Amino acid sequence: MMKHTISVLVNNQPGVLQRVSGLFGRRGFNIESITVGTSEEPGLSRMVVVTSGDEKTLEQVSKQLYKLVDVIKVVDLGAKPMVARELALIKVNAEPAVRPEILGVVETFRASVVDIGSSTMVIQSVGDTDKIDAIVELLAPYGIRELSRTGVTAMMRGNAR
């Protein structure tokens, strides 16, 4: 199974997210990640959906999405060079004695500490999914108290639209 990153430009209307995600569920397609936000055009939002499947699955998803009234454009970002990023906030146990070790991990991944408590630190990391997975794995031995990830957001590289 291949991962596919799909950009869906939609009308910014109530219920559109539910209809798009419902389409995936009804067809038996799993959504691994979904992000939604306003786009460069007023009144339109962009959804970036990561799903798994073969090329036939992707083609079927695209055709079904275009049948939804509020869908304007569907683009398979994975078919072209793209930039993809994810944001993670990771709260770890951080007694003063282990903070230097944790800061070493943070620096290695070009992450940043955004909050320090008496026994915890909140680390912010931005990068591709593999980078986020790697920093989470290295911070796990310290004890992850809380983890929040945005999911992937992406766009094509260069001048393409």
N, C-alpha and C. Protein backbone atom coordinates (compact mmCIF):
# COMPACT_ATOMS: atom_id res chain seq x y z
N MET A 1 0.84 -1.20 0.00
CA MET A 1 0.00 0.00 0.00
C MET A 1 0.88 1.25 0.00
N MET A 2 0.57 2.15 -0.89
CA MET A 2 1.30 3.41 -0.97
C MET A 2 0.54 4.50 -0.23
N LYS A 3 1.29 5.44 0.35
CA LYS A 3 0.66 6.61 0.96
C LYS A 3 0.44 7.66 -0.12
N HIS A 4 -0.69 8.31 -0.06
CA HIS A 4 -1.02 9.38 -1.00
C HIS A 4 -1.36 10.63 -0.23
N THR A 5 -0.83 11.76 -0.69
CA THR A 5 -1.14 13.06 -0.12
C THR A 5 -1.99 13.81 -1.14
N ILE A 6 -3.21 14.12 -0.75
CA ILE A 6 -4.17 14.73 -1.67
C ILE A 6 -4.55 16.12 -1.16
N SER A 7 -4.49 17.10 -2.04
CA SER A 7 -4.94 18.46 -1.73
C SER A 7 -6.34 18.63 -2.32
N VAL A 8 -7.28 19.08 -1.49
CA VAL A 8 -8.66 19.26 -1.92
C VAL A 8 -9.06 20.71 -1.63
N LEU A 9 -9.34 21.47 -2.68
CA LEU A 9 -9.80 22.84 -2.54
C LEU A 9 -11.33 22.81 -2.49
N VAL A 10 -11.90 23.38 -1.43
CA VAL A 10 -13.35 23.30 -1.21
C VAL A 10 -13.92 24.66 -0.85
N ASN A 11 -15.23 24.80 -1.04
CA ASN A 11 -15.93 25.99 -0.55
C ASN A 11 -15.89 25.96 0.97
N ASN A 12 -15.65 27.10 1.58
CA ASN A 12 -15.60 27.20 3.04
C ASN A 12 -17.03 27.30 3.56
N GLN A 13 -17.69 26.15 3.68
CA GLN A 13 -19.08 26.07 4.10
C GLN A 13 -19.23 25.08 5.24
N PRO A 14 -20.21 25.28 6.12
CA PRO A 14 -20.44 24.31 7.19
C PRO A 14 -20.77 22.92 6.60
N GLY A 15 -20.20 21.88 7.19
CA GLY A 15 -20.50 20.51 6.79
C GLY A 15 -19.61 19.92 5.72
N VAL A 16 -18.75 20.74 5.08
CA VAL A 16 -17.92 20.23 3.99
C VAL A 16 -16.91 19.20 4.52
N LEU A 17 -16.29 19.49 5.64
CA LEU A 17 -15.34 18.54 6.23
C LEU A 17 -16.03 17.21 6.53
N GLN A 18 -17.21 17.27 7.07
CA GLN A 18 -17.97 16.05 7.37
C GLN A 18 -18.28 15.26 6.10
N ARG A 19 -18.68 15.95 5.03
CA ARG A 19 -19.00 15.25 3.79
C ARG A 19 -17.77 14.61 3.17
N VAL A 20 -16.63 15.31 3.20
CA VAL A 20 -15.40 14.76 2.63
C VAL A 20 -14.92 13.56 3.46
N SER A 21 -14.86 13.72 4.78
CA SER A 21 -14.40 12.60 5.61
C SER A 21 -15.39 11.44 5.56
N GLY A 22 -16.68 11.74 5.45
CA GLY A 22 -17.69 10.69 5.33
C GLY A 22 -17.53 9.89 4.06
N LEU A 23 -17.15 10.57 2.97
CA LEU A 23 -16.91 9.88 1.70
C LEU A 23 -15.83 8.83 1.87
N PHE A 24 -14.75 9.20 2.55
CA PHE A 24 -13.65 8.25 2.78
C PHE A 24 -14.15 7.06 3.59
N GLY A 25 -14.89 7.33 4.67
CA GLY A 25 -15.38 6.27 5.53
C GLY A 25 -16.33 5.32 4.83
N ARG A 26 -17.27 5.88 4.06
CA ARG A 26 -18.24 5.05 3.34
C ARG A 26 -17.58 4.15 2.32
N ARG A 27 -16.48 4.61 1.74
CA ARG A 27 -15.78 3.83 0.72
C ARG A 27 -14.72 2.89 1.32
N GLY A 28 -14.57 2.95 2.64
CA GLY A 28 -13.61 2.06 3.30
C GLY A 28 -12.17 2.52 3.19
N PHE A 29 -11.95 3.82 2.92
CA PHE A 29 -10.61 4.37 2.84
C PHE A 29 -10.25 4.97 4.19
N ASN A 30 -9.08 4.65 4.70
CA ASN A 30 -8.65 5.20 5.98
C ASN A 30 -7.96 6.55 5.77
N ILE A 31 -8.31 7.52 6.59
CA ILE A 31 -7.62 8.81 6.59
C ILE A 31 -6.54 8.73 7.65
N GLU A 32 -5.28 8.80 7.23
CA GLU A 32 -4.17 8.77 8.19
C GLU A 32 -3.95 10.13 8.82
N SER A 33 -4.22 11.18 8.06
CA SER A 33 -4.08 12.53 8.57
C SER A 33 -4.92 13.46 7.71
N ILE A 34 -5.49 14.49 8.34
CA ILE A 34 -6.25 15.50 7.59
C ILE A 34 -6.03 16.85 8.26
N THR A 35 -5.70 17.83 7.45
CA THR A 35 -5.57 19.21 7.94
C THR A 35 -6.44 20.10 7.07
N VAL A 36 -7.02 21.12 7.67
CA VAL A 36 -7.91 22.02 6.94
C VAL A 36 -7.61 23.44 7.39
N GLY A 37 -7.58 24.35 6.43
CA GLY A 37 -7.40 25.76 6.75
C GLY A 37 -7.79 26.61 5.57
N THR A 38 -7.87 27.91 5.80
CA THR A 38 -8.22 28.82 4.71
C THR A 38 -7.15 28.76 3.63
N SER A 39 -7.54 29.08 2.41
CA SER A 39 -6.60 29.05 1.30
C SER A 39 -6.25 30.48 0.88
N GLU A 40 -5.55 30.59 -0.22
CA GLU A 40 -5.15 31.90 -0.74
C GLU A 40 -6.32 32.65 -1.34
N GLU A 41 -7.44 31.96 -1.59
CA GLU A 41 -8.62 32.59 -2.19
C GLU A 41 -9.72 32.74 -1.15
N PRO A 42 -10.28 33.94 -0.99
CA PRO A 42 -11.35 34.14 -0.01
C PRO A 42 -12.54 33.21 -0.30
N GLY A 43 -13.08 32.63 0.76
CA GLY A 43 -14.24 31.75 0.62
C GLY A 43 -13.90 30.30 0.34
N LEU A 44 -12.60 30.01 0.16
CA LEU A 44 -12.18 28.63 -0.12
C LEU A 44 -11.24 28.14 0.98
N SER A 45 -11.34 26.86 1.28
CA SER A 45 -10.44 26.21 2.23
C SER A 45 -9.68 25.11 1.51
N ARG A 46 -8.52 24.78 2.05
CA ARG A 46 -7.72 23.69 1.49
C ARG A 46 -7.64 22.58 2.54
N MET A 47 -7.96 21.37 2.11
CA MET A 47 -7.80 20.18 2.94
C MET A 47 -6.62 19.40 2.38
N VAL A 48 -5.76 18.93 3.27
CA VAL A 48 -4.68 18.04 2.86
C VAL A 48 -4.94 16.71 3.58
N VAL A 49 -5.18 15.69 2.77
CA VAL A 49 -5.55 14.37 3.29
C VAL A 49 -4.46 13.38 2.93
N VAL A 50 -4.02 12.61 3.93
CA VAL A 50 -3.07 11.52 3.68
C VAL A 50 -3.84 10.22 3.86
N THR A 51 -3.78 9.38 2.84
CA THR A 51 -4.48 8.09 2.85
C THR A 51 -3.58 7.03 2.24
N SER A 52 -3.94 5.78 2.40
CA SER A 52 -3.17 4.67 1.82
C SER A 52 -4.01 3.94 0.81
N GLY A 53 -3.34 3.39 -0.19
CA GLY A 53 -4.02 2.59 -1.20
C GLY A 53 -3.22 2.54 -2.47
N ASP A 54 -3.71 1.78 -3.43
CA ASP A 54 -3.03 1.68 -4.72
C ASP A 54 -3.51 2.82 -5.62
N GLU A 55 -3.00 2.83 -6.86
CA GLU A 55 -3.36 3.89 -7.80
C GLU A 55 -4.86 3.87 -8.13
N LYS A 56 -5.43 2.68 -8.21
CA LYS A 56 -6.86 2.55 -8.50
C LYS A 56 -7.68 3.19 -7.37
N THR A 57 -7.26 2.97 -6.13
CA THR A 57 -7.93 3.56 -4.98
C THR A 57 -7.88 5.08 -5.07
N LEU A 58 -6.70 5.62 -5.37
CA LEU A 58 -6.54 7.07 -5.48
C LEU A 58 -7.44 7.64 -6.57
N GLU A 59 -7.49 6.96 -7.70
CA GLU A 59 -8.33 7.42 -8.80
C GLU A 59 -9.80 7.43 -8.39
N GLN A 60 -10.23 6.38 -7.69
CA GLN A 60 -11.61 6.29 -7.23
C GLN A 60 -11.93 7.40 -6.22
N VAL A 61 -11.01 7.65 -5.30
CA VAL A 61 -11.20 8.72 -4.32
C VAL A 61 -11.36 10.06 -5.02
N SER A 62 -10.50 10.35 -5.99
CA SER A 62 -10.57 11.62 -6.72
C SER A 62 -11.91 11.77 -7.42
N LYS A 63 -12.35 10.73 -8.11
CA LYS A 63 -13.64 10.80 -8.82
C LYS A 63 -14.79 11.03 -7.85
N GLN A 64 -14.77 10.34 -6.72
CA GLN A 64 -15.83 10.50 -5.73
C GLN A 64 -15.81 11.91 -5.12
N LEU A 65 -14.62 12.45 -4.87
CA LEU A 65 -14.52 13.80 -4.32
C LEU A 65 -15.12 14.83 -5.26
N TYR A 66 -14.85 14.68 -6.57
CA TYR A 66 -15.39 15.64 -7.53
C TYR A 66 -16.91 15.60 -7.61
N LYS A 67 -17.53 14.52 -7.15
CA LYS A 67 -18.99 14.43 -7.14
C LYS A 67 -19.62 15.27 -6.03
N LEU A 68 -18.80 15.65 -5.04
CA LEU A 68 -19.31 16.50 -3.96
C LEU A 68 -19.43 17.94 -4.46
N VAL A 69 -20.55 18.58 -4.20
CA VAL A 69 -20.85 19.91 -4.73
C VAL A 69 -19.80 20.95 -4.34
N ASP A 70 -19.32 20.92 -3.10
CA ASP A 70 -18.42 21.97 -2.63
C ASP A 70 -16.95 21.74 -2.98
N VAL A 71 -16.62 20.67 -3.66
CA VAL A 71 -15.23 20.39 -4.04
C VAL A 71 -14.92 21.11 -5.35
N ILE A 72 -13.88 21.94 -5.32
CA ILE A 72 -13.47 22.73 -6.48
C ILE A 72 -12.35 22.04 -7.26
N LYS A 73 -11.34 21.54 -6.54
CA LYS A 73 -10.17 20.97 -7.20
C LYS A 73 -9.55 19.90 -6.32
N VAL A 74 -9.09 18.81 -6.95
CA VAL A 74 -8.42 17.71 -6.25
C VAL A 74 -7.07 17.49 -6.93
N VAL A 75 -5.99 17.50 -6.14
CA VAL A 75 -4.64 17.32 -6.70
C VAL A 75 -3.91 16.26 -5.88
N ASP A 76 -3.32 15.28 -6.59
CA ASP A 76 -2.45 14.29 -5.94
C ASP A 76 -1.08 14.91 -5.81
N LEU A 77 -0.76 15.40 -4.61
CA LEU A 77 0.52 16.07 -4.39
C LEU A 77 1.70 15.10 -4.48
N GLY A 78 1.47 13.85 -4.14
CA GLY A 78 2.55 12.86 -4.16
C GLY A 78 3.05 12.54 -5.55
N ALA A 79 2.29 12.89 -6.59
CA ALA A 79 2.69 12.61 -7.97
C ALA A 79 3.73 13.62 -8.47
N LYS A 80 3.92 14.70 -7.72
CA LYS A 80 4.85 15.76 -8.12
C LYS A 80 5.76 16.08 -6.93
N PRO A 81 6.87 16.78 -7.17
CA PRO A 81 7.70 17.18 -6.02
C PRO A 81 6.90 18.09 -5.09
N MET A 82 6.94 17.80 -3.78
CA MET A 82 6.16 18.57 -2.84
C MET A 82 6.94 18.86 -1.58
N VAL A 83 6.45 19.83 -0.84
CA VAL A 83 6.95 20.15 0.49
C VAL A 83 5.86 19.73 1.46
N ALA A 84 6.21 18.89 2.44
CA ALA A 84 5.23 18.43 3.42
C ALA A 84 5.81 18.62 4.82
N ARG A 85 5.00 19.14 5.72
CA ARG A 85 5.44 19.40 7.09
C ARG A 85 4.34 19.03 8.07
N GLU A 86 4.79 18.76 9.29
CA GLU A 86 3.91 18.44 10.40
C GLU A 86 4.46 19.16 11.62
N LEU A 87 3.59 19.53 12.53
CA LEU A 87 4.00 20.16 13.78
C LEU A 87 3.64 19.23 14.93
N ALA A 88 4.55 19.10 15.89
CA ALA A 88 4.27 18.30 17.09
C ALA A 88 4.62 19.11 18.32
N LEU A 89 3.78 19.00 19.33
CA LEU A 89 4.07 19.51 20.67
C LEU A 89 4.19 18.28 21.56
N ILE A 90 5.33 18.17 22.23
CA ILE A 90 5.63 16.98 23.03
C ILE A 90 5.95 17.42 24.46
N LYS A 91 5.13 17.01 25.42
CA LYS A 91 5.40 17.31 26.82
C LYS A 91 6.09 16.09 27.43
N VAL A 92 7.31 16.31 27.92
CA VAL A 92 8.10 15.20 28.49
C VAL A 92 8.41 15.47 29.96
N ASN A 93 8.59 14.38 30.70
CA ASN A 93 9.11 14.50 32.06
C ASN A 93 10.52 15.05 31.96
N ALA A 94 10.83 16.06 32.74
CA ALA A 94 12.14 16.69 32.63
C ALA A 94 12.57 17.24 33.99
N GLU A 95 12.99 16.36 34.84
CA GLU A 95 13.57 16.80 36.10
C GLU A 95 14.86 17.55 35.76
N PRO A 96 15.28 18.51 36.57
CA PRO A 96 16.46 19.32 36.26
C PRO A 96 17.71 18.51 35.90
N ALA A 97 17.89 17.35 36.47
CA ALA A 97 19.09 16.55 36.21
C ALA A 97 19.16 16.03 34.77
N VAL A 98 18.02 15.81 34.12
CA VAL A 98 18.03 15.24 32.76
C VAL A 98 17.81 16.28 31.67
N ARG A 99 17.58 17.53 32.07
CA ARG A 99 17.30 18.57 31.07
C ARG A 99 18.43 18.76 30.05
N PRO A 100 19.69 18.71 30.45
CA PRO A 100 20.75 18.84 29.44
C PRO A 100 20.68 17.75 28.36
N GLU A 101 20.35 16.53 28.75
CA GLU A 101 20.23 15.44 27.77
C GLU A 101 19.07 15.73 26.81
N ILE A 102 17.95 16.17 27.36
CA ILE A 102 16.78 16.47 26.53
C ILE A 102 17.09 17.63 25.58
N LEU A 103 17.78 18.64 26.09
CA LEU A 103 18.16 19.78 25.23
C LEU A 103 19.08 19.34 24.10
N GLY A 104 19.90 18.33 24.33
CA GLY A 104 20.74 17.78 23.27
C GLY A 104 19.90 17.19 22.15
N VAL A 105 18.84 16.47 22.51
CA VAL A 105 17.93 15.91 21.50
C VAL A 105 17.23 17.04 20.76
N VAL A 106 16.76 18.03 21.52
CA VAL A 106 16.06 19.17 20.93
C VAL A 106 16.94 19.88 19.90
N GLU A 107 18.18 20.15 20.26
CA GLU A 107 19.11 20.83 19.35
C GLU A 107 19.40 20.00 18.11
N THR A 108 19.59 18.70 18.29
CA THR A 108 19.89 17.81 17.16
C THR A 108 18.79 17.88 16.11
N PHE A 109 17.54 17.98 16.55
CA PHE A 109 16.41 18.00 15.62
C PHE A 109 15.96 19.41 15.25
N ARG A 110 16.73 20.41 15.65
CA ARG A 110 16.38 21.81 15.40
C ARG A 110 14.96 22.11 15.88
N ALA A 111 14.61 21.51 16.97
CA ALA A 111 13.31 21.76 17.61
C ALA A 111 13.50 22.90 18.60
N SER A 112 12.47 23.21 19.37
CA SER A 112 12.61 24.26 20.37
C SER A 112 11.78 23.93 21.61
N VAL A 113 12.25 24.45 22.73
CA VAL A 113 11.51 24.31 23.98
C VAL A 113 10.59 25.51 24.07
N VAL A 114 9.28 25.25 24.21
CA VAL A 114 8.31 26.35 24.26
C VAL A 114 7.70 26.54 25.64
N ASP A 115 7.99 25.61 26.57
CA ASP A 115 7.51 25.77 27.94
C ASP A 115 8.36 24.89 28.86
N ILE A 116 8.66 25.43 30.04
CA ILE A 116 9.38 24.66 31.05
C ILE A 116 8.60 24.77 32.35
N GLY A 117 8.27 23.60 32.92
CA GLY A 117 7.62 23.55 34.23
C GLY A 117 8.62 23.03 35.25
N SER A 118 8.17 22.83 36.46
CA SER A 118 9.08 22.34 37.50
C SER A 118 9.59 20.94 37.20
N SER A 119 8.79 20.12 36.51
CA SER A 119 9.23 18.75 36.21
C SER A 119 8.90 18.33 34.79
N THR A 120 8.56 19.29 33.92
CA THR A 120 8.25 18.97 32.52
C THR A 120 8.83 20.01 31.58
N MET A 121 8.90 19.63 30.31
CA MET A 121 9.25 20.55 29.23
C MET A 121 8.29 20.27 28.07
N VAL A 122 7.91 21.33 27.36
CA VAL A 122 7.13 21.16 26.14
C VAL A 122 8.04 21.53 24.98
N ILE A 123 8.17 20.58 24.06
CA ILE A 123 9.05 20.74 22.91
C ILE A 123 8.21 20.85 21.66
N GLN A 124 8.59 21.79 20.80
CA GLN A 124 7.92 21.98 19.52
C GLN A 124 8.86 21.51 18.43
N SER A 125 8.37 20.65 17.55
CA SER A 125 9.17 20.16 16.44
C SER A 125 8.37 20.27 15.15
N VAL A 126 9.01 20.77 14.10
CA VAL A 126 8.38 20.91 12.79
C VAL A 126 9.24 20.16 11.79
N GLY A 127 8.60 19.37 10.94
CA GLY A 127 9.33 18.65 9.91
C GLY A 127 8.46 17.62 9.24
N ASP A 128 9.09 16.75 8.46
CA ASP A 128 8.31 15.69 7.82
C ASP A 128 7.95 14.64 8.87
N THR A 129 7.07 13.76 8.50
CA THR A 129 6.55 12.76 9.45
C THR A 129 7.65 11.90 10.03
N ASP A 130 8.64 11.53 9.22
CA ASP A 130 9.75 10.71 9.72
C ASP A 130 10.54 11.43 10.81
N LYS A 131 10.76 12.73 10.63
CA LYS A 131 11.48 13.52 11.64
C LYS A 131 10.69 13.56 12.94
N ILE A 132 9.40 13.78 12.85
CA ILE A 132 8.57 13.83 14.06
C ILE A 132 8.59 12.47 14.75
N ASP A 133 8.45 11.40 13.98
CA ASP A 133 8.50 10.05 14.56
C ASP A 133 9.83 9.81 15.28
N ALA A 134 10.92 10.28 14.69
CA ALA A 134 12.26 10.06 15.26
C ALA A 134 12.44 10.81 16.58
N ILE A 135 12.03 12.07 16.64
CA ILE A 135 12.21 12.81 17.90
C ILE A 135 11.31 12.24 19.00
N VAL A 136 10.11 11.81 18.63
CA VAL A 136 9.22 11.19 19.61
C VAL A 136 9.87 9.92 20.17
N GLU A 137 10.46 9.14 19.29
CA GLU A 137 11.13 7.89 19.72
C GLU A 137 12.29 8.18 20.68
N LEU A 138 13.07 9.22 20.39
CA LEU A 138 14.20 9.55 21.25
C LEU A 138 13.78 10.18 22.59
N LEU A 139 12.63 10.83 22.61
CA LEU A 139 12.15 11.43 23.85
C LEU A 139 11.35 10.45 24.70
N ALA A 140 10.90 9.36 24.12
CA ALA A 140 10.07 8.38 24.84
C ALA A 140 10.72 7.86 26.13
N PRO A 141 12.03 7.57 26.16
CA PRO A 141 12.61 7.06 27.41
C PRO A 141 12.51 8.03 28.59
N TYR A 142 12.34 9.32 28.33
CA TYR A 142 12.22 10.30 29.41
C TYR A 142 10.80 10.32 29.97
N GLY A 143 9.87 9.78 29.20
CA GLY A 143 8.46 9.75 29.62
C GLY A 143 7.67 10.85 28.95
N ILE A 144 6.94 10.50 27.92
CA ILE A 144 6.09 11.47 27.24
C ILE A 144 4.76 11.54 27.98
N ARG A 145 4.45 12.71 28.49
CA ARG A 145 3.20 12.91 29.23
C ARG A 145 2.05 13.23 28.29
N GLU A 146 2.37 13.95 27.23
CA GLU A 146 1.34 14.37 26.29
C GLU A 146 1.97 14.59 24.94
N LEU A 147 1.23 14.26 23.88
CA LEU A 147 1.72 14.43 22.52
C LEU A 147 0.57 14.92 21.65
N SER A 148 0.80 16.00 20.92
CA SER A 148 -0.20 16.53 20.00
C SER A 148 0.48 16.80 18.67
N ARG A 149 -0.07 16.19 17.60
CA ARG A 149 0.47 16.35 16.25
C ARG A 149 -0.60 16.93 15.33
N THR A 150 -0.17 17.79 14.41
CA THR A 150 -1.13 18.46 13.53
C THR A 150 -1.59 17.59 12.38
N GLY A 151 -0.80 16.64 11.96
CA GLY A 151 -1.06 15.98 10.69
C GLY A 151 -0.30 16.72 9.61
N VAL A 152 -0.23 16.14 8.45
CA VAL A 152 0.59 16.69 7.36
C VAL A 152 -0.14 17.82 6.66
N THR A 153 0.60 18.88 6.37
CA THR A 153 0.13 19.90 5.43
C THR A 153 1.19 19.97 4.34
N ALA A 154 0.76 20.21 3.11
CA ALA A 154 1.70 20.08 1.99
C ALA A 154 1.29 20.97 0.83
N MET A 155 2.26 21.22 -0.06
CA MET A 155 2.00 21.88 -1.34
C MET A 155 3.09 21.50 -2.32
N MET A 156 2.80 21.73 -3.61
CA MET A 156 3.78 21.42 -4.65
C MET A 156 4.94 22.40 -4.58
N ARG A 157 6.10 21.91 -4.95
CA ARG A 157 7.30 22.75 -5.01
C ARG A 157 7.25 23.62 -6.27
N GLY A 158 8.03 24.69 -6.24
CA GLY A 158 8.24 25.51 -7.43
C GLY A 158 7.05 26.35 -7.82
N ASN A 159 6.92 26.58 -9.14
CA ASN A 159 5.92 27.50 -9.67
C ASN A 159 4.57 26.86 -9.93
N ALA A 160 4.45 25.56 -9.78
CA ALA A 160 3.20 24.86 -10.09
C ALA A 160 2.09 25.29 -9.14
N ARG A 161 0.87 25.26 -9.64
CA ARG A 161 -0.33 25.55 -8.82
C ARG A 161 -1.26 24.41 -8.88
